[in-house]
Protein backbone atom coordinates (compact mmCIF):
# COMPACT_ATOMS: atom_id res chain seq x y z
CA MET A 1 172.39 57.51 124.14
CA ALA A 2 172.48 54.37 122.20
CA ILE A 3 170.27 51.32 122.87
CA PRO A 4 172.39 49.01 125.07
CA ARG A 5 173.97 46.04 123.20
CA ARG A 6 172.30 43.64 125.61
CA GLN A 7 168.86 44.65 124.07
CA HIS A 8 170.23 43.67 120.71
CA ARG A 9 171.48 40.33 121.91
CA LEU A 10 168.07 39.62 123.50
CA ALA A 11 166.12 40.34 120.32
CA GLY A 12 163.64 37.60 119.60
CA ARG A 13 163.89 35.96 122.97
CA HIS A 14 160.72 35.72 125.10
CA ALA A 15 159.92 36.60 128.69
CA LEU A 16 157.04 36.05 131.09
CA VAL A 17 156.88 38.57 133.96
CA ASP A 18 154.02 38.74 136.31
CA GLY A 19 152.09 36.72 133.82
CA ILE A 20 152.58 39.24 131.04
CA PRO A 21 154.31 37.84 127.98
CA PHE A 22 156.99 39.96 126.16
CA GLN A 23 159.07 39.45 123.04
CA MET A 24 162.39 41.15 123.61
CA PRO A 25 163.24 43.91 123.26
CA VAL A 26 160.19 45.50 125.00
CA HIS A 27 159.46 47.91 122.18
CA SER A 28 156.86 50.13 120.26
CA GLU A 29 156.50 50.92 116.65
CA ASP A 30 154.78 53.59 114.48
CA SER A 31 153.66 55.64 117.64
CA PRO A 32 153.02 59.37 117.34
CA ALA A 33 153.90 61.49 120.29
CA LEU A 34 153.43 65.15 121.40
CA MET A 35 155.46 67.04 124.09
CA ALA A 36 155.21 70.47 125.82
CA VAL A 37 157.61 71.89 128.30
CA PHE A 38 156.80 74.87 130.59
CA SER A 39 158.84 76.66 133.18
CA VAL A 40 157.64 76.43 136.80
CA ASP A 41 158.63 77.75 140.16
CA TYR A 42 161.76 76.01 141.36
CA ASP A 43 161.08 75.67 145.11
CA ALA A 44 157.54 74.55 144.42
CA ALA A 45 158.85 71.83 142.13
CA ALA A 46 161.44 70.68 144.67
CA ARG A 47 158.56 70.37 147.25
CA LEU A 48 156.48 68.19 144.98
CA ILE A 49 159.41 65.86 144.30
CA GLY A 50 160.22 65.65 148.05
CA CYS A 51 163.29 63.34 147.66
CA SER A 52 166.67 64.19 148.86
CA GLU A 53 168.45 62.51 145.81
CA ILE A 54 166.27 63.97 143.19
CA HIS A 55 166.36 67.71 142.29
CA PRO A 56 164.50 69.81 139.74
CA MET A 57 166.62 70.64 136.63
CA ARG A 58 167.15 74.46 136.54
CA LEU A 59 166.58 76.58 133.41
CA TRP A 60 168.15 79.64 134.79
CA ARG A 61 166.07 80.18 138.04
CA ARG A 62 163.13 78.06 136.98
CA ALA A 63 162.29 74.41 136.79
CA LEU A 64 160.54 72.50 133.96
CA LEU A 65 157.22 70.69 133.88
CA VAL A 66 157.28 68.15 130.93
CA VAL A 67 154.07 66.83 129.59
CA THR A 68 154.48 64.01 127.00
CA VAL A 69 151.70 62.01 125.44
CA ILE A 70 152.41 58.89 123.24
CA ASN A 71 149.81 57.09 121.28
CA TYR A 72 151.39 53.59 121.41
CA VAL A 73 150.12 51.80 118.33
CA VAL A 74 152.13 48.70 118.18
CA THR A 75 153.44 47.14 121.52
CA ASP A 76 153.64 43.67 123.15
CA ILE A 77 150.61 44.56 125.33
CA GLY A 78 148.47 46.10 122.58
CA ARG A 79 147.48 49.65 121.88
CA TYR A 80 147.28 52.29 124.50
CA VAL A 81 147.79 56.11 125.12
CA GLU A 82 150.38 57.19 127.84
CA PHE A 83 149.88 60.71 129.25
CA SER A 84 153.00 61.61 131.36
CA ILE A 85 153.09 64.68 133.65
CA ALA A 86 156.71 65.14 135.05
CA LEU A 87 159.35 67.53 136.29
CA ALA A 88 162.70 67.51 134.51
CA CYS A 89 165.30 66.38 137.08
CA THR A 90 168.78 65.38 138.09
CA HIS A 91 170.00 62.72 140.46
CA GLY A 92 172.65 63.23 143.08
CA SER A 93 173.29 64.37 146.52
CA ARG A 94 172.92 68.07 145.61
CA PRO A 95 171.18 70.17 142.92
CA ALA A 96 172.96 70.57 139.75
CA PRO A 97 173.98 73.88 138.14
CA PRO A 98 171.73 75.42 135.46
CA LEU A 99 171.74 74.15 131.93
CA LEU A 100 174.67 71.74 132.22
CA PRO A 101 172.49 68.67 132.99
CA GLY A 102 170.96 69.09 129.46
CA LEU A 103 174.43 68.66 127.83
CA PHE A 104 175.90 66.09 130.19
CA MET A 105 172.95 63.92 130.90
CA ARG A 106 174.84 60.91 132.12
CA ALA A 107 177.13 62.80 134.52
CA TYR A 108 174.05 64.47 136.27
CA GLY A 109 171.50 61.50 136.05
CA THR A 110 169.36 63.94 133.93
CA GLY A 111 165.79 62.59 133.39
CA GLN A 112 162.23 63.35 134.53
CA TYR A 113 160.55 62.60 137.89
CA VAL A 114 156.99 61.50 137.00
CA LEU A 115 154.13 62.89 139.02
CA ASP A 116 151.25 61.17 137.33
CA LEU A 117 151.04 58.58 134.45
CA PRO A 118 147.55 57.79 133.29
CA VAL A 119 147.32 55.09 130.61
CA SER A 120 144.44 53.64 128.57
CA SER A 121 144.49 49.86 129.44
CA GLU A 122 144.61 47.77 132.57
CA VAL A 123 147.57 45.68 131.26
CA SER A 124 149.66 48.73 130.85
CA VAL A 125 149.13 49.59 134.46
CA LYS A 126 149.93 46.01 135.60
CA GLY A 127 153.12 45.96 133.70
CA GLY A 128 154.42 49.56 134.00
CA LYS A 129 153.67 49.94 137.70
CA GLY A 130 154.25 46.23 138.88
CA ILE A 131 157.58 45.77 136.93
CA TRP A 132 159.11 49.22 136.39
CA GLY A 133 157.37 51.19 139.41
CA MET A 134 155.89 53.78 137.17
CA PRO A 135 152.83 55.52 138.78
CA LYS A 136 150.35 54.23 136.08
CA HIS A 137 146.61 54.14 136.58
CA GLN A 138 143.73 53.70 134.09
CA ALA A 139 141.86 56.82 132.88
CA SER A 140 139.98 58.10 129.83
CA LEU A 141 142.53 59.41 127.30
CA ASP A 142 142.46 60.37 123.65
CA PHE A 143 145.13 61.47 121.06
CA VAL A 144 143.74 63.70 118.42
CA ILE A 145 145.66 64.73 115.27
CA GLY A 146 143.82 67.55 113.71
CA ARG A 147 144.61 69.80 110.71
CA ASP A 148 146.06 72.60 112.96
CA TRP A 149 146.60 71.05 116.45
CA VAL A 150 147.71 67.84 118.00
CA SER A 151 145.93 67.24 121.32
CA SER A 152 145.38 64.95 124.28
CA GLN A 153 142.84 64.93 126.98
CA TYR A 154 142.97 63.14 130.43
CA ASP A 155 139.72 62.60 132.17
CA LEU A 156 139.00 60.74 135.40
CA ASP A 157 135.91 60.35 137.52
CA GLY A 158 133.89 62.08 134.75
CA GLN A 159 136.10 65.24 135.02
CA MET A 160 138.69 66.82 132.75
CA LEU A 161 141.95 66.77 134.63
CA MET A 162 144.37 68.09 131.85
CA ARG A 163 144.34 68.85 128.19
CA VAL A 164 147.47 69.64 126.30
CA ASP A 165 147.36 71.00 122.76
CA VAL A 166 150.45 71.37 120.48
CA LYS A 167 150.28 73.51 117.38
CA LYS A 168 151.02 71.16 114.46
CA PRO A 169 154.43 71.91 112.83
CA PRO A 170 154.64 72.59 109.16
CA LYS A 171 157.03 69.57 109.00
CA ALA A 172 158.65 67.08 111.41
CA TRP A 173 162.28 67.35 109.98
CA LEU A 174 164.78 66.94 112.84
CA PRO A 175 165.97 63.37 113.28
CA VAL A 176 166.11 62.55 117.10
CA ARG A 177 167.67 59.51 118.50
CA MET A 178 168.24 59.54 122.31
CA GLY A 179 167.62 57.88 125.55
CA ALA A 180 165.84 59.18 128.74
CA SER A 181 165.57 58.15 132.36
CA ASN A 182 162.27 57.97 134.24
CA TYR A 183 162.36 58.42 138.01
CA CYS A 184 159.19 57.28 139.94
CA ALA A 185 158.31 56.59 143.68
CA PHE A 186 156.78 53.20 144.37
CA ARG A 187 156.85 50.60 147.19
CA GLY A 188 158.91 53.00 149.31
CA MET A 189 161.62 53.14 146.68
CA LEU A 190 162.98 55.43 143.98
CA MET A 191 162.72 53.57 140.67
CA ARG A 192 164.78 54.54 137.62
CA SER A 193 163.93 53.07 134.28
CA PHE A 194 165.33 53.76 130.78
CA ILE A 195 163.83 54.25 127.43
CA TYR A 196 165.40 54.92 124.10
CA PHE A 197 163.51 56.27 121.13
CA GLN A 198 163.94 57.72 117.80
CA GLY A 199 161.75 59.69 115.28
CA LYS A 200 161.51 62.94 113.30
CA LEU A 201 160.50 65.92 115.29
CA GLY A 202 158.80 69.25 114.44
CA PHE A 203 159.00 71.76 117.17
CA ALA A 204 158.97 75.35 118.32
CA LEU A 205 161.05 77.05 121.02
CA PHE A 206 159.81 79.88 123.42
CA ARG A 207 156.98 80.59 121.06
CA ALA A 208 153.67 81.94 122.45
CA GLY A 209 150.85 80.01 121.08
CA SER A 210 152.83 77.00 120.19
CA ALA A 211 151.17 74.86 123.01
CA ARG A 212 148.21 75.22 125.46
CA LEU A 213 147.85 73.59 128.73
CA LEU A 214 144.54 73.33 130.48
CA ILE A 215 144.28 71.94 134.04
CA GLY A 216 141.02 71.13 135.67
CA ASP A 217 139.68 71.26 139.19
CA HIS A 218 140.06 67.60 140.16
CA PRO A 219 141.82 67.11 143.44
CA ARG A 220 144.59 65.11 141.77
CA MET A 221 145.68 68.18 139.87
CA ALA A 222 145.83 70.45 143.03
CA MET A 223 149.64 69.85 143.19
CA LEU A 224 150.21 71.28 139.75
CA LYS A 225 148.44 74.62 140.59
CA THR A 226 151.26 75.42 143.23
CA LEU A 227 153.71 75.48 140.47
CA ASP A 228 153.19 78.96 138.89
CA ILE A 229 153.24 77.56 135.34
CA ASP A 230 154.23 80.00 132.70
CA PRO A 231 151.72 79.82 129.85
CA VAL A 232 154.36 80.41 127.13
CA PRO A 233 156.01 77.12 126.46
CA VAL A 234 159.71 76.57 126.60
CA ALA A 235 159.35 73.95 123.86
CA ALA A 236 156.50 72.29 122.05
CA GLY A 237 156.92 69.45 119.64
CA PHE A 238 155.25 66.64 117.66
CA PHE A 239 156.55 63.21 116.51
CA PRO A 240 154.35 61.86 113.71
CA ALA A 241 155.88 58.50 114.41
CA THR A 242 158.45 57.05 116.90
CA HIS A 243 160.23 53.78 117.59
CA GLY A 244 161.08 53.07 121.23
CA VAL A 245 162.69 50.42 123.44
CA LEU A 246 162.10 50.09 127.16
CA ASP A 247 165.02 48.64 128.78
CA ASP A 248 164.19 45.56 131.04
CA HIS A 249 167.19 46.71 133.24
CA PHE A 250 166.12 49.22 135.97
CA GLU A 251 167.56 50.56 139.13
CA CYS A 252 165.99 51.41 142.61
CA TRP A 253 167.07 52.82 145.87
CA PHE A 254 165.29 53.01 149.34
CA LEU A 255 163.43 56.48 149.75
CA THR A 256 164.63 57.81 153.13
CA THR A 257 163.19 60.47 155.43
CA PRO A 258 164.65 62.31 158.52
CA SER A 259 162.19 60.49 160.78
CA PRO A 260 160.16 57.29 160.45
CA PRO A 261 157.49 57.43 157.82
CA ALA A 262 154.07 57.86 159.32
CA ALA A 263 152.45 55.39 156.83
CA PRO A 264 153.53 52.94 154.08
CA GLY A 265 153.18 54.28 150.37
CA GLU A 266 151.51 52.47 147.64
CA GLY A 267 152.83 48.92 147.15
CA LEU A 268 152.33 45.79 145.17
CA GLU A 269 148.83 45.31 146.53
CA SER A 270 147.76 47.80 143.94
CA THR A 271 149.07 45.71 141.02
CA TYR A 272 148.65 42.03 141.83
CA PRO A 273 144.90 41.94 141.46
CA LEU A 274 145.02 43.47 138.09
CA GLY A 275 144.37 41.48 134.90
CA GLN A 276 145.62 41.96 131.37
CA SER A 277 142.61 43.64 129.75
CA GLN A 278 143.48 45.79 126.67
CA GLU A 279 140.17 47.49 126.91
CA TRP A 280 139.95 51.28 127.11
CA LEU A 281 137.54 53.36 129.18
CA ALA A 282 135.18 55.69 127.46
CA PRO A 283 136.87 58.59 125.66
CA PRO A 284 137.15 61.91 127.39
CA ARG A 285 134.40 64.45 127.09
CA ARG A 286 135.76 67.42 125.27
CA ALA A 287 134.19 70.77 125.93
CA PRO A 288 132.17 72.37 123.08
CA GLY A 289 134.22 74.78 120.99
CA TRP A 290 137.50 72.83 121.10
CA GLU A 291 139.05 73.47 117.67
CA GLY A 292 141.76 71.35 116.34
CA GLY A 293 141.09 71.49 112.67
CA THR A 294 140.21 68.44 110.69
CA ALA A 295 142.16 65.28 110.66
């Protein structure tokens, strides 16, 4: 999926949205990223999404949990880490058949439904949630490139919520240039944003030991423990550097339920008091004995 021509036409222009200045397009440079994909129980994934128009993407009879961490080095809003926990999904009135959504992404509205999206800085929360509806919140994050492993840990309230380790590939050799859709729930609406990225990827498929996923006991992670996560990853990969563009165009639909909702969901009251600080919280506290090799 190529970057829309509109983004090229806007290049060099300026925007000021919710008080945040942007130079178009909204982009990132020189940003390493890791990803790990694990199969999970399909029915449990559908319950977590809980939306009649978003369905887990099937890999045979299982759904897919996608953990992606990007160390954004150069952006309009400064440096920050983004730790995405999501379910691969399709968009439509009914579930899609297995495998085909990976080949015909536009036809099936293939993307990921984001369950949790901690980031390092306050300004990233203000922009990502307030403008694009992403479920961002500030947390303690790191991104460690060691000799043998690439790793990121997510802490909140002094507790480890998740750590993902990806075995460092011998070489990042595969050129990747693609777009992706992110679906999120915010303000009582289903939000869809679009990102386009490129970089060289080193990866492994269905290889035991190519990635490790540790989930802590914080209540925020209880939902993931219902998923029956297979410890052998479907895929694990590392981009030493990526270039990305976040489209300023996004879509949204009302979230509907069979009966009137009991209470409103999170809304703009969670973003308008926020400032534009680029300061990070203290780094996560890694358990003794973590071994990633030397940088």
